[in-house]
Amino acid sequence: MGKSTKLILANALKNLMKDMQLSKISVSDITESCNLNRQTFYYHFTDKYKLVNWIFDREILDNVENYLNYEHWSKALEKVFSLVESDSGFYLNALRDNFSYFYIHLMRTQRNILDEFIENLLEGRRMKKSDREFFSDFYTNAFVGTFVSWVTSSMHEPAETVVTRLEKLIRGSLKNVLEDYIR
């Protein structure tokens, strides 16, 4: 029941965000629109921003977890960018409403994804911790910066175009740069 209740709340919020800014939506608005009570909401989430984070995580992480390797990373980007493009109103509304909160969340999420990706790419080889952190920071900022810039510019280019550009920039460089840092 827990996950389905979270999905009901998530869908209610997403529907409300089609017509209202996130900052104008209350927990009561969310629960009333899906015929649940406020206690049910607070059982699952501390506030509406945690619900938005859960939606980000569910939609983004669920789409990349099977693609955290060098051969398939561009497929993960395609899936995420296409998903966000298809639900642009929600993502644009969320990022514009409380930019720094969601930006920080996206940075943490991307960093975790990238750390796992690097671990897979290293294939048991070692890398100095400071180099690994620098590498992760750089690519996290590149991915999240590009993503946020694209979303907040009202996705003026198709997702496919942005993903193709990222793939061209990163396809050879990611592995080559990592090889330079391996000790």
N, C-alpha and C. Protein backbone atom coordinates (compact mmCIF):
# COMPACT_ATOMS: atom_id res chain seq x y z
N MET A 1 0.82 -1.20 0.00
CA MET A 1 0.00 0.00 0.00
C MET A 1 0.86 1.26 0.00
N GLY A 2 2.05 1.20 0.63
CA GLY A 2 2.91 2.37 0.75
C GLY A 2 3.31 2.98 -0.57
N LYS A 3 3.82 2.16 -1.48
CA LYS A 3 4.27 2.69 -2.76
C LYS A 3 3.09 3.18 -3.59
N SER A 4 1.98 2.48 -3.55
CA SER A 4 0.83 2.92 -4.33
C SER A 4 0.26 4.23 -3.77
N THR A 5 0.30 4.41 -2.46
CA THR A 5 -0.14 5.67 -1.86
C THR A 5 0.79 6.80 -2.28
N LYS A 6 2.08 6.53 -2.29
CA LYS A 6 3.04 7.55 -2.74
C LYS A 6 2.77 7.92 -4.20
N LEU A 7 2.47 6.92 -5.02
CA LEU A 7 2.16 7.20 -6.43
C LEU A 7 0.88 8.03 -6.57
N ILE A 8 -0.10 7.75 -5.76
CA ILE A 8 -1.35 8.52 -5.78
C ILE A 8 -1.06 9.98 -5.43
N LEU A 9 -0.28 10.19 -4.37
CA LEU A 9 0.09 11.54 -3.97
C LEU A 9 0.93 12.23 -5.04
N ALA A 10 1.85 11.49 -5.65
CA ALA A 10 2.69 12.05 -6.70
C ALA A 10 1.85 12.47 -7.90
N ASN A 11 0.95 11.62 -8.32
CA ASN A 11 0.09 11.97 -9.46
C ASN A 11 -0.80 13.16 -9.15
N ALA A 12 -1.29 13.23 -7.92
CA ALA A 12 -2.12 14.37 -7.52
C ALA A 12 -1.32 15.66 -7.59
N LEU A 13 -0.09 15.64 -7.08
CA LEU A 13 0.75 16.83 -7.13
C LEU A 13 1.07 17.22 -8.58
N LYS A 14 1.43 16.24 -9.38
CA LYS A 14 1.75 16.53 -10.78
C LYS A 14 0.55 17.12 -11.52
N ASN A 15 -0.63 16.62 -11.24
CA ASN A 15 -1.84 17.19 -11.87
C ASN A 15 -2.07 18.62 -11.42
N LEU A 16 -1.88 18.89 -10.14
CA LEU A 16 -2.05 20.25 -9.63
C LEU A 16 -1.01 21.21 -10.24
N MET A 17 0.20 20.69 -10.44
CA MET A 17 1.27 21.54 -10.98
C MET A 17 1.08 21.88 -12.44
N LYS A 18 0.12 21.28 -13.10
CA LYS A 18 -0.19 21.66 -14.49
C LYS A 18 -0.80 23.06 -14.53
N ASP A 19 -1.48 23.44 -13.44
CA ASP A 19 -2.20 24.72 -13.41
C ASP A 19 -1.71 25.69 -12.35
N MET A 20 -0.90 25.20 -11.41
CA MET A 20 -0.47 26.04 -10.29
C MET A 20 1.03 25.92 -10.06
N GLN A 21 1.62 27.00 -9.54
CA GLN A 21 3.01 26.94 -9.12
C GLN A 21 3.10 26.07 -7.87
N LEU A 22 4.20 25.38 -7.74
CA LEU A 22 4.39 24.53 -6.58
C LEU A 22 4.25 25.32 -5.27
N SER A 23 4.76 26.53 -5.24
CA SER A 23 4.71 27.33 -4.02
C SER A 23 3.28 27.66 -3.60
N LYS A 24 2.34 27.61 -4.52
CA LYS A 24 0.94 27.92 -4.23
C LYS A 24 0.13 26.69 -3.83
N ILE A 25 0.73 25.53 -3.94
CA ILE A 25 0.04 24.27 -3.64
C ILE A 25 0.31 23.88 -2.20
N SER A 26 -0.73 23.58 -1.48
CA SER A 26 -0.59 23.14 -0.08
C SER A 26 -0.73 21.62 0.00
N VAL A 27 -0.35 21.09 1.13
CA VAL A 27 -0.53 19.66 1.37
C VAL A 27 -2.02 19.33 1.33
N SER A 28 -2.85 20.22 1.84
CA SER A 28 -4.30 20.01 1.79
C SER A 28 -4.80 19.93 0.35
N ASP A 29 -4.25 20.79 -0.53
CA ASP A 29 -4.63 20.73 -1.95
C ASP A 29 -4.31 19.35 -2.53
N ILE A 30 -3.15 18.86 -2.20
CA ILE A 30 -2.71 17.56 -2.72
C ILE A 30 -3.63 16.45 -2.22
N THR A 31 -3.85 16.42 -0.90
CA THR A 31 -4.65 15.33 -0.33
C THR A 31 -6.11 15.41 -0.75
N GLU A 32 -6.64 16.61 -0.85
CA GLU A 32 -8.04 16.76 -1.27
C GLU A 32 -8.23 16.30 -2.71
N SER A 33 -7.24 16.57 -3.55
CA SER A 33 -7.39 16.20 -4.97
C SER A 33 -7.34 14.69 -5.20
N CYS A 34 -6.84 13.94 -4.21
CA CYS A 34 -6.79 12.48 -4.38
C CYS A 34 -7.57 11.75 -3.29
N ASN A 35 -8.37 12.49 -2.56
CA ASN A 35 -9.25 11.91 -1.53
C ASN A 35 -8.50 11.13 -0.45
N LEU A 36 -7.36 11.67 -0.05
CA LEU A 36 -6.62 11.12 1.09
C LEU A 36 -6.58 12.19 2.17
N ASN A 37 -6.21 11.80 3.37
CA ASN A 37 -6.13 12.81 4.42
C ASN A 37 -4.68 13.26 4.63
N ARG A 38 -4.54 14.39 5.31
CA ARG A 38 -3.22 14.96 5.54
C ARG A 38 -2.31 14.00 6.32
N GLN A 39 -2.88 13.25 7.26
CA GLN A 39 -2.08 12.29 8.02
C GLN A 39 -1.42 11.27 7.11
N THR A 40 -2.15 10.84 6.10
CA THR A 40 -1.59 9.89 5.14
C THR A 40 -0.41 10.52 4.41
N PHE A 41 -0.57 11.77 4.02
CA PHE A 41 0.54 12.47 3.35
C PHE A 41 1.76 12.49 4.27
N TYR A 42 1.55 12.94 5.52
CA TYR A 42 2.69 13.09 6.44
C TYR A 42 3.26 11.76 6.91
N TYR A 43 2.54 10.70 6.75
CA TYR A 43 3.08 9.37 7.03
C TYR A 43 4.19 9.05 6.03
N HIS A 44 4.03 9.53 4.80
CA HIS A 44 4.97 9.21 3.72
C HIS A 44 6.00 10.30 3.45
N PHE A 45 5.62 11.57 3.64
CA PHE A 45 6.51 12.68 3.30
C PHE A 45 6.43 13.78 4.37
N THR A 46 7.55 14.45 4.60
CA THR A 46 7.54 15.52 5.59
C THR A 46 6.96 16.82 5.03
N ASP A 47 7.08 17.01 3.72
CA ASP A 47 6.52 18.20 3.07
C ASP A 47 6.41 17.94 1.56
N LYS A 48 5.85 18.90 0.86
CA LYS A 48 5.63 18.72 -0.58
C LYS A 48 6.94 18.65 -1.36
N TYR A 49 7.99 19.27 -0.84
CA TYR A 49 9.28 19.23 -1.52
C TYR A 49 9.90 17.84 -1.46
N LYS A 50 9.69 17.15 -0.37
CA LYS A 50 10.15 15.75 -0.28
C LYS A 50 9.39 14.87 -1.27
N LEU A 51 8.13 15.19 -1.48
CA LEU A 51 7.34 14.47 -2.48
C LEU A 51 7.91 14.72 -3.87
N VAL A 52 8.25 15.96 -4.17
CA VAL A 52 8.85 16.26 -5.48
C VAL A 52 10.18 15.50 -5.63
N ASN A 53 10.99 15.49 -4.58
CA ASN A 53 12.24 14.72 -4.63
C ASN A 53 11.97 13.25 -4.90
N TRP A 54 10.96 12.71 -4.25
CA TRP A 54 10.61 11.30 -4.45
C TRP A 54 10.22 11.06 -5.92
N ILE A 55 9.48 12.00 -6.49
CA ILE A 55 9.10 11.87 -7.90
C ILE A 55 10.35 11.92 -8.78
N PHE A 56 11.24 12.88 -8.53
CA PHE A 56 12.50 12.96 -9.28
C PHE A 56 13.23 11.63 -9.20
N ASP A 57 13.40 11.15 -7.97
CA ASP A 57 14.16 9.90 -7.77
C ASP A 57 13.50 8.73 -8.46
N ARG A 58 12.21 8.60 -8.27
CA ARG A 58 11.49 7.47 -8.86
C ARG A 58 11.58 7.50 -10.38
N GLU A 59 11.35 8.64 -10.96
CA GLU A 59 11.33 8.72 -12.42
C GLU A 59 12.74 8.69 -13.01
N ILE A 60 13.66 9.35 -12.37
CA ILE A 60 15.01 9.41 -12.93
C ILE A 60 15.81 8.16 -12.58
N LEU A 61 15.88 7.83 -11.30
CA LEU A 61 16.70 6.69 -10.89
C LEU A 61 16.18 5.37 -11.43
N ASP A 62 14.87 5.22 -11.46
CA ASP A 62 14.30 3.98 -12.01
C ASP A 62 14.65 3.80 -13.48
N ASN A 63 14.93 4.89 -14.16
CA ASN A 63 15.25 4.82 -15.58
C ASN A 63 16.73 4.66 -15.88
N VAL A 64 17.58 4.83 -14.88
CA VAL A 64 19.02 4.72 -15.16
C VAL A 64 19.70 3.54 -14.50
N GLU A 65 19.06 2.91 -13.53
CA GLU A 65 19.76 1.90 -12.75
C GLU A 65 20.29 0.73 -13.58
N ASN A 66 19.69 0.44 -14.70
CA ASN A 66 20.18 -0.67 -15.54
C ASN A 66 21.19 -0.23 -16.59
N TYR A 67 21.57 1.05 -16.56
CA TYR A 67 22.46 1.58 -17.59
C TYR A 67 23.71 2.23 -17.01
N LEU A 68 24.14 1.78 -15.86
CA LEU A 68 25.28 2.39 -15.20
C LEU A 68 26.59 1.74 -15.62
N ASN A 69 26.76 1.61 -16.92
CA ASN A 69 28.02 1.12 -17.44
C ASN A 69 28.37 1.92 -18.70
N TYR A 70 29.62 1.83 -19.11
CA TYR A 70 30.10 2.67 -20.20
C TYR A 70 29.37 2.41 -21.52
N GLU A 71 29.00 1.19 -21.78
CA GLU A 71 28.36 0.84 -23.03
C GLU A 71 26.95 1.42 -23.15
N HIS A 72 26.29 1.64 -22.03
CA HIS A 72 24.87 2.02 -22.07
C HIS A 72 24.53 3.37 -21.43
N TRP A 73 25.53 4.15 -21.00
CA TRP A 73 25.23 5.39 -20.29
C TRP A 73 24.43 6.36 -21.14
N SER A 74 24.66 6.38 -22.45
CA SER A 74 23.91 7.33 -23.28
C SER A 74 22.43 6.93 -23.36
N LYS A 75 22.14 5.65 -23.22
CA LYS A 75 20.75 5.19 -23.18
C LYS A 75 20.06 5.75 -21.93
N ALA A 76 20.78 5.80 -20.81
CA ALA A 76 20.22 6.38 -19.59
C ALA A 76 19.90 7.85 -19.80
N LEU A 77 20.82 8.57 -20.44
CA LEU A 77 20.55 9.99 -20.73
C LEU A 77 19.33 10.15 -21.62
N GLU A 78 19.24 9.34 -22.65
CA GLU A 78 18.07 9.40 -23.55
C GLU A 78 16.78 9.20 -22.78
N LYS A 79 16.76 8.20 -21.93
CA LYS A 79 15.54 7.89 -21.16
C LYS A 79 15.17 9.06 -20.23
N VAL A 80 16.16 9.59 -19.51
CA VAL A 80 15.88 10.67 -18.57
C VAL A 80 15.43 11.93 -19.30
N PHE A 81 16.17 12.34 -20.31
CA PHE A 81 15.81 13.57 -21.03
C PHE A 81 14.45 13.43 -21.72
N SER A 82 14.16 12.28 -22.28
CA SER A 82 12.86 12.06 -22.93
C SER A 82 11.73 12.08 -21.91
N LEU A 83 11.95 11.46 -20.78
CA LEU A 83 10.94 11.46 -19.72
C LEU A 83 10.66 12.88 -19.26
N VAL A 84 11.71 13.65 -19.01
CA VAL A 84 11.54 15.02 -18.54
C VAL A 84 10.86 15.87 -19.61
N GLU A 85 11.24 15.66 -20.85
CA GLU A 85 10.62 16.40 -21.95
C GLU A 85 9.12 16.09 -22.03
N SER A 86 8.76 14.84 -21.82
CA SER A 86 7.35 14.45 -21.92
C SER A 86 6.52 14.98 -20.75
N ASP A 87 7.18 15.36 -19.65
CA ASP A 87 6.49 15.90 -18.49
C ASP A 87 7.11 17.26 -18.14
N SER A 88 7.34 18.06 -19.16
CA SER A 88 8.09 19.31 -19.01
C SER A 88 7.47 20.28 -18.02
N GLY A 89 6.15 20.36 -17.98
CA GLY A 89 5.50 21.29 -17.08
C GLY A 89 5.85 21.04 -15.63
N PHE A 90 5.85 19.79 -15.24
CA PHE A 90 6.18 19.43 -13.86
C PHE A 90 7.62 19.81 -13.53
N TYR A 91 8.56 19.38 -14.37
CA TYR A 91 9.97 19.62 -14.08
C TYR A 91 10.32 21.09 -14.13
N LEU A 92 9.78 21.80 -15.09
CA LEU A 92 10.04 23.23 -15.20
C LEU A 92 9.46 23.96 -14.00
N ASN A 93 8.25 23.63 -13.62
CA ASN A 93 7.60 24.24 -12.46
C ASN A 93 8.41 23.97 -11.19
N ALA A 94 8.83 22.74 -10.99
CA ALA A 94 9.58 22.39 -9.78
C ALA A 94 10.91 23.14 -9.72
N LEU A 95 11.64 23.16 -10.81
CA LEU A 95 12.94 23.82 -10.80
C LEU A 95 12.82 25.33 -10.67
N ARG A 96 11.84 25.92 -11.29
CA ARG A 96 11.67 27.37 -11.18
C ARG A 96 11.18 27.80 -9.81
N ASP A 97 10.40 26.94 -9.18
CA ASP A 97 9.79 27.31 -7.90
C ASP A 97 10.78 27.36 -6.75
N ASN A 98 11.61 26.37 -6.64
CA ASN A 98 12.56 26.30 -5.52
C ASN A 98 13.88 25.78 -6.07
N PHE A 99 14.50 26.59 -6.89
CA PHE A 99 15.66 26.17 -7.67
C PHE A 99 16.77 25.55 -6.83
N SER A 100 17.23 26.27 -5.81
CA SER A 100 18.40 25.78 -5.08
C SER A 100 18.12 24.47 -4.36
N TYR A 101 16.93 24.29 -3.82
CA TYR A 101 16.58 23.05 -3.13
C TYR A 101 16.66 21.86 -4.08
N PHE A 102 16.03 22.00 -5.24
CA PHE A 102 16.01 20.88 -6.19
C PHE A 102 17.35 20.72 -6.90
N TYR A 103 18.06 21.81 -7.11
CA TYR A 103 19.38 21.73 -7.72
C TYR A 103 20.31 20.90 -6.83
N ILE A 104 20.29 21.19 -5.55
CA ILE A 104 21.13 20.42 -4.61
C ILE A 104 20.73 18.95 -4.62
N HIS A 105 19.44 18.68 -4.65
CA HIS A 105 18.98 17.29 -4.69
C HIS A 105 19.45 16.60 -5.98
N LEU A 106 19.33 17.29 -7.10
CA LEU A 106 19.78 16.72 -8.38
C LEU A 106 21.29 16.47 -8.36
N MET A 107 22.04 17.40 -7.77
CA MET A 107 23.49 17.22 -7.68
C MET A 107 23.84 15.97 -6.87
N ARG A 108 23.18 15.80 -5.72
CA ARG A 108 23.45 14.61 -4.89
C ARG A 108 23.08 13.33 -5.63
N THR A 109 21.92 13.37 -6.26
CA THR A 109 21.46 12.18 -6.99
C THR A 109 22.41 11.84 -8.12
N GLN A 110 22.79 12.84 -8.91
CA GLN A 110 23.70 12.61 -10.04
C GLN A 110 25.06 12.15 -9.53
N ARG A 111 25.51 12.72 -8.44
CA ARG A 111 26.81 12.32 -7.89
C ARG A 111 26.79 10.85 -7.50
N ASN A 112 25.72 10.41 -6.86
CA ASN A 112 25.60 8.98 -6.50
C ASN A 112 25.59 8.10 -7.73
N ILE A 113 24.87 8.51 -8.75
CA ILE A 113 24.82 7.75 -10.00
C ILE A 113 26.22 7.69 -10.61
N LEU A 114 26.88 8.83 -10.66
CA LEU A 114 28.20 8.89 -11.28
C LEU A 114 29.23 8.09 -10.48
N ASP A 115 29.14 8.12 -9.16
CA ASP A 115 30.08 7.33 -8.35
C ASP A 115 29.92 5.84 -8.65
N GLU A 116 28.69 5.38 -8.79
CA GLU A 116 28.46 3.98 -9.13
C GLU A 116 28.96 3.67 -10.54
N PHE A 117 28.73 4.60 -11.45
CA PHE A 117 29.18 4.45 -12.83
C PHE A 117 30.71 4.34 -12.88
N ILE A 118 31.40 5.21 -12.14
CA ILE A 118 32.86 5.19 -12.10
C ILE A 118 33.36 3.88 -11.52
N GLU A 119 32.70 3.42 -10.47
CA GLU A 119 33.08 2.14 -9.85
C GLU A 119 33.00 1.02 -10.90
N ASN A 120 31.95 1.01 -11.67
CA ASN A 120 31.80 0.00 -12.72
C ASN A 120 32.88 0.16 -13.80
N LEU A 121 33.19 1.39 -14.13
CA LEU A 121 34.18 1.66 -15.17
C LEU A 121 35.59 1.30 -14.71
N LEU A 122 35.88 1.45 -13.45
CA LEU A 122 37.20 1.13 -12.92
C LEU A 122 37.49 -0.37 -12.95
N GLU A 123 36.46 -1.18 -12.90
CA GLU A 123 36.60 -2.64 -12.96
C GLU A 123 37.65 -3.16 -11.97
N GLY A 124 37.57 -2.67 -10.73
CA GLY A 124 38.47 -3.15 -9.69
C GLY A 124 39.79 -2.41 -9.61
N ARG A 125 40.09 -1.57 -10.57
CA ARG A 125 41.34 -0.79 -10.51
C ARG A 125 41.18 0.33 -9.50
N ARG A 126 42.31 0.88 -9.07
CA ARG A 126 42.29 1.90 -8.02
C ARG A 126 42.51 3.29 -8.61
N MET A 127 41.94 4.25 -7.88
CA MET A 127 42.09 5.65 -8.25
C MET A 127 42.22 6.44 -6.95
N LYS A 128 43.12 7.41 -6.91
CA LYS A 128 43.26 8.22 -5.70
C LYS A 128 41.93 8.87 -5.37
N LYS A 129 41.63 8.91 -4.07
CA LYS A 129 40.35 9.46 -3.62
C LYS A 129 40.15 10.90 -4.10
N SER A 130 41.18 11.73 -3.99
CA SER A 130 41.05 13.13 -4.40
C SER A 130 40.81 13.25 -5.90
N ASP A 131 41.44 12.39 -6.70
CA ASP A 131 41.21 12.39 -8.14
C ASP A 131 39.79 11.93 -8.46
N ARG A 132 39.37 10.91 -7.77
CA ARG A 132 38.02 10.38 -7.98
C ARG A 132 36.96 11.43 -7.65
N GLU A 133 37.16 12.14 -6.53
CA GLU A 133 36.22 13.19 -6.15
C GLU A 133 36.20 14.32 -7.17
N PHE A 134 37.38 14.71 -7.65
CA PHE A 134 37.45 15.76 -8.67
C PHE A 134 36.74 15.32 -9.95
N PHE A 135 37.02 14.11 -10.37
CA PHE A 135 36.41 13.54 -11.57
C PHE A 135 34.88 13.51 -11.43
N SER A 136 34.40 13.02 -10.29
CA SER A 136 32.95 12.97 -10.04
C SER A 136 32.34 14.36 -10.00
N ASP A 137 33.01 15.28 -9.32
CA ASP A 137 32.50 16.65 -9.25
C ASP A 137 32.39 17.28 -10.63
N PHE A 138 33.43 17.12 -11.42
CA PHE A 138 33.44 17.73 -12.75
C PHE A 138 32.28 17.20 -13.61
N TYR A 139 32.15 15.90 -13.71
CA TYR A 139 31.10 15.34 -14.56
C TYR A 139 29.70 15.52 -13.97
N THR A 140 29.60 15.54 -12.65
CA THR A 140 28.31 15.84 -12.03
C THR A 140 27.86 17.24 -12.41
N ASN A 141 28.77 18.20 -12.27
CA ASN A 141 28.44 19.58 -12.65
C ASN A 141 28.12 19.71 -14.14
N ALA A 142 28.84 18.98 -14.97
CA ALA A 142 28.58 19.03 -16.41
C ALA A 142 27.19 18.49 -16.73
N PHE A 143 26.86 17.33 -16.18
CA PHE A 143 25.55 16.73 -16.46
C PHE A 143 24.41 17.55 -15.88
N VAL A 144 24.51 17.87 -14.60
CA VAL A 144 23.40 18.60 -13.95
C VAL A 144 23.29 20.01 -14.53
N GLY A 145 24.41 20.65 -14.76
CA GLY A 145 24.37 21.99 -15.35
C GLY A 145 23.70 22.00 -16.71
N THR A 146 24.04 21.05 -17.54
CA THR A 146 23.43 20.94 -18.86
C THR A 146 21.94 20.63 -18.74
N PHE A 147 21.61 19.70 -17.87
CA PHE A 147 20.21 19.31 -17.66
C PHE A 147 19.37 20.50 -17.18
N VAL A 148 19.84 21.17 -16.14
CA VAL A 148 19.10 22.30 -15.57
C VAL A 148 18.99 23.44 -16.56
N SER A 149 20.05 23.72 -17.26
CA SER A 149 20.02 24.78 -18.28
C SER A 149 18.98 24.46 -19.34
N TRP A 150 18.94 23.22 -19.77
CA TRP A 150 17.97 22.80 -20.78
C TRP A 150 16.54 22.91 -20.25
N VAL A 151 16.30 22.43 -19.03
CA VAL A 151 14.95 22.49 -18.46
C VAL A 151 14.51 23.94 -18.27
N THR A 152 15.35 24.76 -17.65
CA THR A 152 14.95 26.13 -17.33
C THR A 152 14.89 27.03 -18.55
N SER A 153 15.43 26.59 -19.67
CA SER A 153 15.27 27.36 -20.92
C SER A 153 14.02 26.89 -21.67
N SER A 154 13.13 26.25 -20.94
CA SER A 154 11.88 25.69 -21.48
C SER A 154 12.14 24.65 -22.56
N MET A 155 13.26 23.95 -22.40
CA MET A 155 13.59 22.84 -23.30
C MET A 155 13.50 23.28 -24.76
N HIS A 156 14.20 24.37 -25.06
CA HIS A 156 14.13 24.96 -26.40
C HIS A 156 14.67 24.06 -27.50
N GLU A 157 15.40 23.04 -27.13
CA GLU A 157 15.86 22.06 -28.10
C GLU A 157 15.29 20.70 -27.73
N PRO A 158 15.06 19.85 -28.71
CA PRO A 158 14.57 18.50 -28.39
C PRO A 158 15.57 17.74 -27.53
N ALA A 159 15.06 16.88 -26.67
CA ALA A 159 15.90 16.07 -25.79
C ALA A 159 16.95 15.31 -26.60
N GLU A 160 16.55 14.78 -27.72
CA GLU A 160 17.46 13.99 -28.56
C GLU A 160 18.69 14.81 -28.98
N THR A 161 18.50 16.09 -29.29
CA THR A 161 19.61 16.96 -29.69
C THR A 161 20.59 17.15 -28.54
N VAL A 162 20.07 17.41 -27.36
CA VAL A 162 20.93 17.63 -26.19
C VAL A 162 21.70 16.35 -25.86
N VAL A 163 21.03 15.23 -25.89
CA VAL A 163 21.68 13.94 -25.58
C VAL A 163 22.76 13.65 -26.61
N THR A 164 22.50 13.90 -27.88
CA THR A 164 23.50 13.67 -28.93
C THR A 164 24.73 14.53 -28.69
N ARG A 165 24.53 15.78 -28.32
CA ARG A 165 25.67 16.67 -28.03
C ARG A 165 26.48 16.17 -26.84
N LEU A 166 25.78 15.78 -25.77
CA LEU A 166 26.48 15.25 -24.60
C LEU A 166 27.26 13.99 -24.96
N GLU A 167 26.64 13.15 -25.73
CA GLU A 167 27.31 11.90 -26.11
C GLU A 167 28.57 12.18 -26.92
N LYS A 168 28.51 13.13 -27.83
CA LYS A 168 29.71 13.48 -28.63
C LYS A 168 30.82 14.04 -27.74
N LEU A 169 30.44 14.86 -26.77
CA LEU A 169 31.45 15.44 -25.88
C LEU A 169 32.08 14.40 -24.97
N ILE A 170 31.29 13.46 -24.53
CA ILE A 170 31.73 12.58 -23.46
C ILE A 170 32.18 11.21 -23.94
N ARG A 171 31.66 10.74 -25.05
CA ARG A 171 31.91 9.37 -25.51
C ARG A 171 33.38 8.97 -25.39
N GLY A 172 34.27 9.71 -25.97
CA GLY A 172 35.68 9.34 -25.90
C GLY A 172 36.37 9.90 -24.68
N SER A 173 35.99 11.10 -24.28
CA SER A 173 36.73 11.77 -23.23
C SER A 173 36.57 11.12 -21.86
N LEU A 174 35.40 10.65 -21.53
CA LEU A 174 35.15 10.09 -20.21
C LEU A 174 36.11 8.95 -19.89
N LYS A 175 36.19 7.99 -20.78
CA LYS A 175 37.05 6.83 -20.54
C LYS A 175 38.53 7.23 -20.59
N ASN A 176 38.89 8.09 -21.55
CA ASN A 176 40.28 8.52 -21.66
C ASN A 176 40.74 9.30 -20.44
N VAL A 177 39.92 10.21 -19.96
CA VAL A 177 40.27 10.99 -18.79
C VAL A 177 40.39 10.08 -17.57
N LEU A 178 39.46 9.15 -17.43
CA LEU A 178 39.53 8.23 -16.31
C LEU A 178 40.82 7.42 -16.34
N GLU A 179 41.19 6.96 -17.51
CA GLU A 179 42.44 6.19 -17.64
C GLU A 179 43.64 7.00 -17.18
N ASP A 180 43.63 8.33 -17.45
CA ASP A 180 44.74 9.19 -17.03
C ASP A 180 44.83 9.30 -15.51
N TYR A 181 43.72 9.11 -14.82
CA TYR A 181 43.71 9.25 -13.36
C TYR A 181 43.98 7.95 -12.62
N ILE A 182 43.86 6.83 -13.28
CA ILE A 182 44.04 5.54 -12.62
C ILE A 182 45.51 5.36 -12.29
N ARG A 183 45.73 4.89 -11.08
CA ARG A 183 47.13 4.65 -10.68
C ARG A 183 47.45 3.19 -10.68
